[in-house]
Protein backbone atom coordinates (compact mmCIF):
# COMPACT_ATOMS: atom_id res chain seq x y z
CA MET A 1 0.07 -0.17 -0.01
CA GLY A 2 1.41 3.34 -1.20
CA LYS A 3 4.30 2.10 -3.27
CA GLU A 4 2.54 3.49 -6.45
CA LYS A 5 4.44 6.83 -7.32
CA LEU A 6 2.47 10.39 -7.03
CA SER A 7 1.12 12.08 -10.44
CA LYS A 8 2.96 15.10 -11.89
CA ASP A 9 0.71 17.22 -10.95
CA THR A 10 0.21 16.47 -7.44
CA LYS A 11 4.20 17.04 -6.90
CA LEU A 12 3.87 20.55 -9.12
CA LEU A 13 0.84 21.52 -6.75
CA SER A 14 3.03 20.74 -4.00
CA LEU A 15 6.17 22.53 -4.93
CA ASN A 16 3.58 25.65 -5.40
CA SER A 17 2.05 24.89 -1.55
CA PHE A 18 6.01 25.14 -0.38
CA PHE A 19 6.38 28.56 -2.03
CA THR A 20 3.35 30.01 -1.00
CA ASP A 21 3.62 28.81 2.57
CA ILE A 22 7.13 30.20 2.84
CA SER A 23 5.21 33.70 2.14
CA THR A 24 2.39 33.07 4.12
CA GLU A 25 4.33 31.88 7.31
CA MET A 26 6.84 34.90 7.03
CA ILE A 27 3.76 37.35 7.90
CA VAL A 28 1.71 35.30 10.22
CA PRO A 29 3.81 35.04 13.21
CA LEU A 30 4.23 38.99 13.50
CA LEU A 31 0.55 39.87 12.52
CA PRO A 32 -1.07 39.41 15.55
CA PHE A 33 1.73 42.01 17.09
CA PHE A 34 1.36 44.28 14.22
CA ILE A 35 -2.46 44.13 14.48
CA THR A 36 -1.95 44.77 18.61
CA GLN A 37 0.86 46.84 18.90
CA THR A 38 1.76 48.45 15.78
CA LEU A 39 -1.98 49.49 14.77
CA GLY A 40 -2.83 49.32 18.38
CA ALA A 41 -6.39 47.05 17.86
CA PRO A 42 -7.70 44.93 20.96
CA ALA A 43 -7.72 41.24 21.14
CA LEU A 44 -11.30 41.27 19.91
CA ILE A 45 -10.73 42.93 16.89
CA LEU A 46 -7.83 40.39 16.44
CA GLY A 47 -10.21 37.77 16.26
CA LEU A 48 -12.49 39.68 14.26
CA ILE A 49 -9.60 39.78 11.58
CA GLU A 50 -8.96 36.26 12.04
CA GLY A 51 -12.04 34.69 11.81
CA TRP A 52 -13.72 36.97 9.55
CA ALA A 53 -10.60 36.35 6.75
CA GLU A 54 -11.43 32.00 7.86
CA VAL A 55 -15.16 32.90 6.79
CA SER A 56 -13.92 34.42 3.66
CA VAL A 57 -11.98 31.18 2.85
CA SER A 58 -15.14 29.52 3.74
CA LEU A 59 -17.78 30.88 1.58
CA LEU A 60 -15.46 30.78 -1.18
CA ASP A 61 -15.03 26.84 -0.82
CA MET A 62 -18.29 25.93 -1.21
CA ALA A 63 -18.54 28.77 -4.31
CA SER A 64 -15.25 27.75 -5.62
CA GLY A 65 -16.23 24.04 -5.35
CA TRP A 66 -19.57 23.97 -6.97
CA LEU A 67 -18.66 26.38 -9.58
CA SER A 68 -15.41 23.92 -10.57
CA ASP A 69 -17.70 21.16 -10.75
CA ARG A 70 -20.14 22.83 -12.96
CA ILE A 71 -17.87 24.12 -15.38
CA LYS A 72 -15.83 21.39 -15.53
CA LYS A 73 -12.07 23.34 -14.89
CA ARG A 74 -10.23 23.09 -11.67
CA ARG A 75 -6.78 25.15 -13.28
CA PRO A 76 -8.03 28.42 -13.89
CA LEU A 77 -9.71 28.71 -10.25
CA VAL A 78 -6.46 27.50 -8.83
CA LEU A 79 -4.23 30.24 -10.81
CA PHE A 80 -6.63 32.85 -9.98
CA GLY A 81 -6.74 32.38 -6.48
CA TYR A 82 -3.24 32.14 -5.97
CA SER A 83 -2.45 35.16 -8.02
CA LEU A 84 -4.71 37.23 -5.90
CA SER A 85 -3.17 35.88 -2.74
CA ALA A 86 0.34 36.72 -4.27
CA VAL A 87 -0.35 40.33 -5.16
CA THR A 88 -2.00 41.39 -1.70
CA LYS A 89 0.50 40.00 0.62
CA PRO A 90 2.65 43.25 0.32
CA LEU A 91 0.16 45.71 0.46
CA PHE A 92 -0.29 44.62 4.27
CA ALA A 93 2.79 46.65 4.70
CA PHE A 94 0.84 50.03 3.80
CA ALA A 95 -1.91 49.74 6.43
CA SER A 96 -1.85 52.28 8.49
CA SER A 97 -5.06 50.92 10.49
CA TRP A 98 -6.47 48.14 11.40
CA PRO A 99 -10.02 48.78 9.37
CA GLN A 100 -6.76 49.05 6.49
CA LEU A 101 -5.54 45.82 7.51
CA PHE A 102 -8.71 43.82 8.12
CA MET A 103 -9.76 44.60 4.16
CA PHE A 104 -6.45 43.77 2.57
CA ARG A 105 -6.39 40.16 4.86
CA PHE A 106 -10.27 39.28 3.93
CA VAL A 107 -9.03 40.02 -0.27
CA GLU A 108 -5.76 37.58 0.74
CA ARG A 109 -8.03 34.83 2.12
CA MET A 110 -9.87 35.37 -0.69
CA GLY A 111 -7.71 34.13 -2.78
CA LYS A 112 -7.22 31.03 -0.69
CA GLY A 113 -10.86 29.82 -0.58
CA ILE A 114 -10.98 29.86 -4.43
CA ARG A 115 -7.93 28.26 -5.04
CA ARG A 116 -7.86 25.43 -2.11
CA VAL A 117 -10.94 22.95 -3.19
CA PRO A 118 -10.18 23.00 -6.74
CA ARG A 119 -6.64 22.32 -6.02
CA ASP A 120 -7.64 19.58 -3.85
CA ALA A 121 -10.42 17.74 -6.35
CA MET A 122 -7.16 18.24 -8.90
CA ILE A 123 -5.10 16.01 -6.78
CA ALA A 124 -7.91 13.65 -5.59
CA ALA A 125 -8.48 12.71 -9.76
CA THR A 126 -5.30 12.00 -10.40
CA GLU A 127 -4.60 9.68 -7.88
CA THR A 128 -5.54 6.53 -6.58
CA LYS A 129 -8.16 5.87 -3.71
CA ALA A 130 -5.71 3.78 -1.83
CA GLN A 131 -2.96 6.00 -1.43
CA MET A 132 -5.19 9.03 -1.07
CA GLY A 133 -3.89 9.86 2.00
CA LYS A 134 -0.57 9.77 0.99
CA ALA A 135 -0.98 12.31 -1.57
CA PHE A 136 -2.77 14.89 0.31
CA GLY A 137 0.05 13.96 3.00
CA PHE A 138 2.56 14.77 0.41
CA ARG A 139 1.49 18.02 -0.07
CA LYS A 140 0.33 19.14 3.41
CA MET A 141 4.42 18.08 4.16
CA MET A 142 5.38 20.45 1.31
CA ASP A 143 2.84 22.95 2.38
CA SER A 144 4.18 22.70 6.11
CA ALA A 145 8.07 23.00 5.00
CA GLY A 146 7.26 26.38 3.49
CA ALA A 147 5.57 27.31 6.81
CA MET A 148 8.87 26.17 8.63
CA LEU A 149 11.05 28.07 6.12
CA GLY A 150 9.06 31.26 6.55
CA PRO A 151 9.33 31.82 10.49
CA LEU A 152 13.21 30.93 9.94
CA ILE A 153 13.19 33.67 7.47
CA ALA A 154 10.93 36.07 9.61
CA ALA A 155 13.18 35.25 12.65
CA PHE A 156 16.28 35.95 10.83
CA LEU A 157 14.96 39.40 9.20
CA VAL A 158 14.00 40.22 12.46
CA PHE A 159 17.37 39.59 14.26
CA HIS A 160 18.80 40.90 11.03
CA PHE A 161 16.96 44.89 11.44
CA GLY A 162 16.58 44.53 15.10
CA GLY A 163 18.32 47.68 16.08
CA GLU A 164 18.20 49.59 13.05
CA MET A 165 14.33 50.43 13.00
CA PRO A 166 11.45 50.44 14.88
CA GLU A 167 9.59 47.09 15.24
CA GLY A 168 6.68 48.29 13.14
CA GLU A 169 8.60 49.07 10.33
CA ILE A 170 10.36 45.68 10.57
CA TYR A 171 7.09 43.98 10.24
CA ARG A 172 6.40 46.02 7.37
CA ALA A 173 9.67 45.24 5.84
CA ILE A 174 9.03 41.46 5.95
CA PHE A 175 5.58 41.98 4.46
CA LEU A 176 7.34 43.36 1.20
CA LEU A 177 9.52 40.64 1.37
CA ALA A 178 7.15 37.87 1.23
CA PHE A 179 6.22 38.80 -2.07
CA ILE A 180 9.11 36.84 -3.54
CA PRO A 181 8.17 33.42 -2.89
CA ALA A 182 4.29 34.10 -3.40
CA ILE A 183 5.24 34.77 -7.32
CA ILE A 184 7.60 32.16 -7.71
CA GLY A 185 4.19 30.00 -6.36
CA VAL A 186 1.93 31.19 -9.22
CA ALA A 187 5.16 30.92 -11.87
CA LEU A 188 5.12 26.87 -10.80
CA LEU A 189 1.13 26.77 -11.65
CA LEU A 190 1.96 27.82 -15.19
CA LEU A 191 3.67 23.61 -15.88
CA VAL A 192 0.42 22.42 -14.43
CA LYS A 193 -1.70 20.55 -16.76
CA GLU A 194 -5.08 19.76 -16.33
CA LYS A 195 -5.70 16.29 -17.97
CA LYS A 196 -8.52 15.59 -19.56
CA GLU A 197 -9.05 12.08 -17.90
CA GLU A 198 -9.87 14.03 -15.11
CA ILE A 199 -12.62 16.63 -16.32
CA ALA A 200 -14.43 13.42 -17.95
CA LYS A 201 -14.59 12.49 -14.65
CA ILE A 202 -16.69 15.23 -13.49
CA SER A 203 -20.59 15.40 -14.06
CA SER A 204 -23.01 17.85 -13.38
CA SER A 205 -25.33 16.11 -11.29
CA ALA A 206 -24.98 13.93 -8.15
CA ARG A 207 -25.96 13.43 -4.97
CA VAL A 208 -23.13 14.40 -2.12
CA VAL A 209 -25.51 14.54 0.95
CA SER A 210 -25.76 11.49 2.58
CA LYS A 211 -26.66 10.23 6.18
CA ASP A 212 -22.86 9.46 7.19
CA PHE A 213 -21.74 12.64 5.57
CA SER A 214 -24.48 14.92 7.39
CA HIS A 215 -23.39 13.10 11.09
CA PHE A 216 -19.73 13.73 10.05
CA LEU A 217 -20.50 17.04 8.65
CA ILE A 218 -22.57 18.63 12.48
CA VAL A 219 -19.43 16.86 14.50
CA ALA A 220 -16.96 18.84 12.44
CA ALA A 221 -18.91 21.31 12.60
CA PHE A 222 -19.31 22.11 16.37
CA PHE A 223 -15.61 21.13 16.68
CA SER A 224 -14.74 24.13 14.89
CA ILE A 225 -16.24 26.10 17.48
CA ALA A 226 -13.14 25.17 19.11
CA GLN A 227 -10.68 25.94 16.95
CA MET A 228 -9.61 29.41 17.28
CA GLY A 229 -7.08 30.67 14.90
CA ILE A 230 -3.13 29.94 15.64
CA ALA A 231 -3.00 33.65 16.56
CA PHE A 232 -4.52 33.26 20.00
CA PHE A 233 -1.63 30.45 20.66
CA ILE A 234 0.81 33.10 19.18
CA LEU A 235 -0.18 35.85 21.44
CA LYS A 236 -0.59 33.53 24.68
CA GLY A 237 2.88 32.07 23.64
CA GLY A 238 3.82 35.46 23.28
CA GLU A 239 3.54 35.70 27.60
CA ALA A 240 6.15 33.49 27.65
CA LEU A 241 8.61 34.33 25.13
CA PRO A 242 10.24 37.36 24.13
CA LEU A 243 9.66 38.76 20.29
CA VAL A 244 12.77 36.98 18.91
CA LEU A 245 11.72 33.97 19.86
CA VAL A 246 8.07 33.91 18.68
CA PRO A 247 9.12 33.02 15.44
CA ILE A 248 11.17 30.08 16.83
CA ALA A 249 8.34 28.84 18.44
CA TYR A 250 5.84 29.36 15.53
CA LEU A 251 8.75 27.21 13.58
CA ALA A 252 8.46 24.65 16.13
CA TYR A 253 4.46 24.25 15.32
CA ASN A 254 5.53 24.09 11.15
CA ALA A 255 8.43 21.51 11.72
CA ALA A 256 5.78 19.34 13.41
CA TYR A 257 3.57 19.78 10.92
CA THR A 258 6.10 19.21 8.31
CA VAL A 259 7.39 16.04 9.54
CA PHE A 260 4.19 14.80 10.57
CA ALA A 261 1.92 15.53 7.52
CA MET A 262 3.10 12.83 5.09
CA PRO A 263 2.88 10.13 7.88
CA ALA A 264 -0.50 11.38 8.89
CA GLY A 265 -2.27 10.29 5.78
CA MET A 266 -0.77 7.12 5.37
CA LEU A 267 -1.75 6.21 8.73
CA THR A 268 -4.93 7.32 8.04
CA ASP A 269 -5.02 5.07 4.81
CA ALA A 270 -4.00 2.34 7.66
CA LEU A 271 -6.31 3.19 10.37
CA GLY A 272 -8.87 5.01 9.04
CA PRO A 273 -10.12 8.36 8.89
CA LYS A 274 -12.55 8.05 12.14
CA ARG A 275 -9.93 6.47 14.22
CA MET A 276 -7.49 9.24 13.40
CA LEU A 277 -9.98 12.08 13.70
CA THR A 278 -10.66 11.02 17.25
CA ALA A 279 -7.22 10.94 18.49
CA ALA A 280 -6.85 14.25 16.65
CA TYR A 281 -9.91 16.26 18.67
CA PHE A 282 -8.33 14.00 21.86
CA LEU A 283 -4.60 15.75 21.22
CA PHE A 284 -6.19 19.00 20.59
CA ALA A 285 -8.40 19.18 24.00
CA ILE A 286 -5.02 18.38 25.90
CA ILE A 287 -2.69 20.79 24.13
CA CYS A 288 -5.54 23.78 24.85
CA LEU A 289 -5.35 22.86 28.74
CA LEU A 290 -1.69 22.75 28.59
CA PHE A 291 -1.78 26.04 26.99
CA ALA A 292 -4.13 27.68 29.52
CA PHE A 293 -2.10 26.82 32.52
CA LEU A 294 1.72 26.68 31.41
CA SER A 295 4.20 29.25 30.50
CA GLU A 296 7.65 28.18 30.88
CA ALA A 297 9.48 28.77 27.77
CA ALA A 298 10.64 24.99 26.86
CA MET A 299 6.95 24.09 27.35
CA MET A 300 5.69 26.69 25.04
CA LEU A 301 8.19 25.48 22.26
CA ALA A 302 6.67 21.91 22.77
CA LEU A 303 2.97 22.83 22.90
CA PHE A 304 3.34 24.48 19.81
CA GLY A 305 4.85 21.32 17.90
CA ALA A 306 2.20 19.37 19.54
CA LEU A 307 -0.28 21.71 18.07
CA GLY A 308 1.77 21.01 14.52
CA ILE A 309 0.87 17.44 14.92
CA PHE A 310 -2.90 17.97 15.04
CA MET A 311 -2.54 20.45 11.92
CA ALA A 312 -1.17 17.73 10.62
CA ILE A 313 -4.10 14.93 10.81
CA MET A 314 -6.50 17.83 10.38
CA GLN A 315 -5.58 18.62 7.07
CA THR A 316 -5.14 15.65 5.37
CA THR A 317 -7.52 13.24 7.58
CA PRO A 318 -11.24 14.38 6.95
CA ARG A 319 -10.57 15.36 3.36
CA VAL A 320 -9.86 11.59 3.05
CA TYR A 321 -12.84 10.91 5.03
CA LEU A 322 -14.74 12.91 2.31
CA VAL A 323 -13.30 11.33 -0.68
CA GLN A 324 -13.83 7.79 0.51
CA THR A 325 -17.52 8.98 0.97
CA ALA A 326 -18.49 11.07 -2.20
CA PRO A 327 -18.90 10.33 -6.05
CA GLY A 328 -15.85 10.82 -8.04
CA HIS A 329 -17.54 13.36 -10.05
CA LYS A 330 -18.50 15.32 -6.75
CA TYR A 331 -15.14 15.57 -4.88
CA ALA A 332 -15.01 19.18 -5.03
CA THR A 333 -18.33 20.21 -4.01
CA ALA A 334 -17.90 17.31 -0.64
CA ILE A 335 -14.91 19.14 0.16
CA GLY A 336 -16.12 22.56 -0.37
CA THR A 337 -19.26 21.75 1.41
CA TYR A 338 -17.48 20.24 4.81
CA GLN A 339 -14.93 23.13 4.51
CA GLY A 340 -16.90 25.99 3.77
CA VAL A 341 -19.45 24.74 6.60
CA THR A 342 -16.65 24.16 9.27
CA GLY A 343 -14.59 27.64 8.18
CA LEU A 344 -17.83 29.48 8.65
CA LEU A 345 -17.87 28.99 12.20
CA LEU A 346 -14.09 29.79 12.81
CA LEU A 347 -15.73 33.49 12.76
CA PRO A 348 -17.89 33.08 16.01
CA ALA A 349 -14.64 30.62 17.54
CA ASN A 350 -12.11 33.86 16.71
CA LEU A 351 -14.96 36.15 18.01
CA ILE A 352 -15.82 34.16 21.36
CA ALA A 353 -11.81 33.57 21.77
CA GLY A 354 -11.14 37.10 21.48
CA ALA A 355 -13.86 38.11 23.85
CA LEU A 356 -13.17 36.07 26.56
CA TRP A 357 -9.14 36.77 26.67
CA GLU A 358 -11.00 40.18 27.76
CA VAL A 359 -12.98 38.58 30.52
CA HIS A 360 -11.19 40.24 33.69
CA PHE A 361 -11.06 37.27 35.93
CA ALA A 362 -10.06 34.84 34.04
CA GLY A 363 -8.23 36.62 30.82
CA ALA A 364 -6.06 34.60 28.51
CA HIS A 365 -6.73 31.50 30.28
CA LEU A 366 -10.65 31.28 29.50
CA PRO A 367 -10.27 30.57 25.71
CA PHE A 368 -8.52 27.53 25.70
CA ILE A 369 -10.79 25.87 29.31
CA ILE A 370 -13.78 26.51 27.09
CA SER A 371 -12.09 25.05 23.25
CA ALA A 372 -10.72 21.68 25.37
CA GLY A 373 -14.20 21.14 26.62
CA ILE A 374 -15.88 21.46 23.34
CA ALA A 375 -12.83 18.97 22.03
CA ILE A 376 -14.02 16.72 24.25
CA ILE A 377 -17.77 16.84 23.16
CA ALA A 378 -16.83 16.48 19.67
CA MET A 379 -14.90 13.36 20.30
CA LEU A 380 -17.45 11.64 22.05
CA ALA A 381 -19.72 12.36 19.62
CA LEU A 382 -17.50 11.63 16.51
CA ILE A 383 -17.19 8.23 18.28
CA PHE A 384 -21.06 7.77 18.73
CA PHE A 385 -22.61 8.89 15.76
CA VAL A 386 -20.16 8.95 12.74
CA LYS A 387 -19.39 5.58 10.78
CA SER A 388 -16.24 5.50 9.52
CA PRO A 389 -15.98 4.67 5.61
CA LEU A 390 -14.29 1.26 6.04
CA GLN A 391 -17.10 -0.03 8.64
CA LYS A 392 -19.72 0.77 5.37
CA ARG A 393 -17.66 -1.21 3.07
CA THR A 394 -17.46 -4.25 4.97
CA ARG A 395 -21.44 -4.28 5.38
CA THR A 396 -21.70 -3.96 1.80
CA GLN A 397 -19.27 -6.32 1.08
CA ILE A 398 -20.95 -9.25 3.51
CA SER A 399 -24.37 -8.34 2.10
């Protein structure tokens, strides 16, 4: 199992993800401090910006998934989405107020929403189901490798410019430099050719919704309420770490993400997506509780690594579940529906986290405690109410 070679398009799309995430992750570990310190916005506004950014991704996930199935083309949407994000990132450097940053961040995330589902559908259409987890895991591994290099570059630039420029100007310089790897990623997409065989698989009529899919979607949506953005974990980590170590903590997150991405996909192929998701929900609950109560610098670095393992599972395993349960010609619609519904709930998740952060008697501890409780409830619901694709196939064979 998993010994077949991955397709050329999967490899090219993975390399594109590598450069794109170098760009993105040069920005992400510094953005919470740019918003709250340079632009002077409170934590609630940070939650609004990050939550609404995810909503823009989710709305367009659903729309782009449906549209790519409808027009029977993936590549134009993928190319446009990556291009939109690339040209918007350097505009962060020119934001002088949080509403301006809000708009730039919203448009940049729109690009992700346009491209993500058609890209995943292209990968799904070129690989066998037996190695679907491996294919998604490989793309995520390359994505995470770029995400690991991005914070390292950011940390080097913070150190290099430190003492010569105010912190706000350092942030702006890094945002401008992030354009370089982003445009390299776009250029790589010109080498991707959408095969006729992929397009032939796509049909404009089929049902995606089933009882099993609905149960999975409800549980996943509930869990999404616990998933406040990485910005809050970074902000909490900043209480224990000096600024120069914050990108290093984020590097630990992305290093674990990178190392575990492909194994997570292969474990999903071997154990089944339900078992892997159950483990992921439990892991997230433990991470949140430890973030709430621990403040040692070394422990923070370890927790960011554990968070990276969790995200490696979450960015691979749900896609495998959807591909195993949805018709082949409706991959994009199924993935888009899942990512759209769960992503829409990230807005209230981030707003709730921001509001709880401001509660004086508990402060930064409370969002993590509440998220841990939600994750445990979601884990139990997953165990008792969601059937695995493996169980479904076995019953069919016996009957």
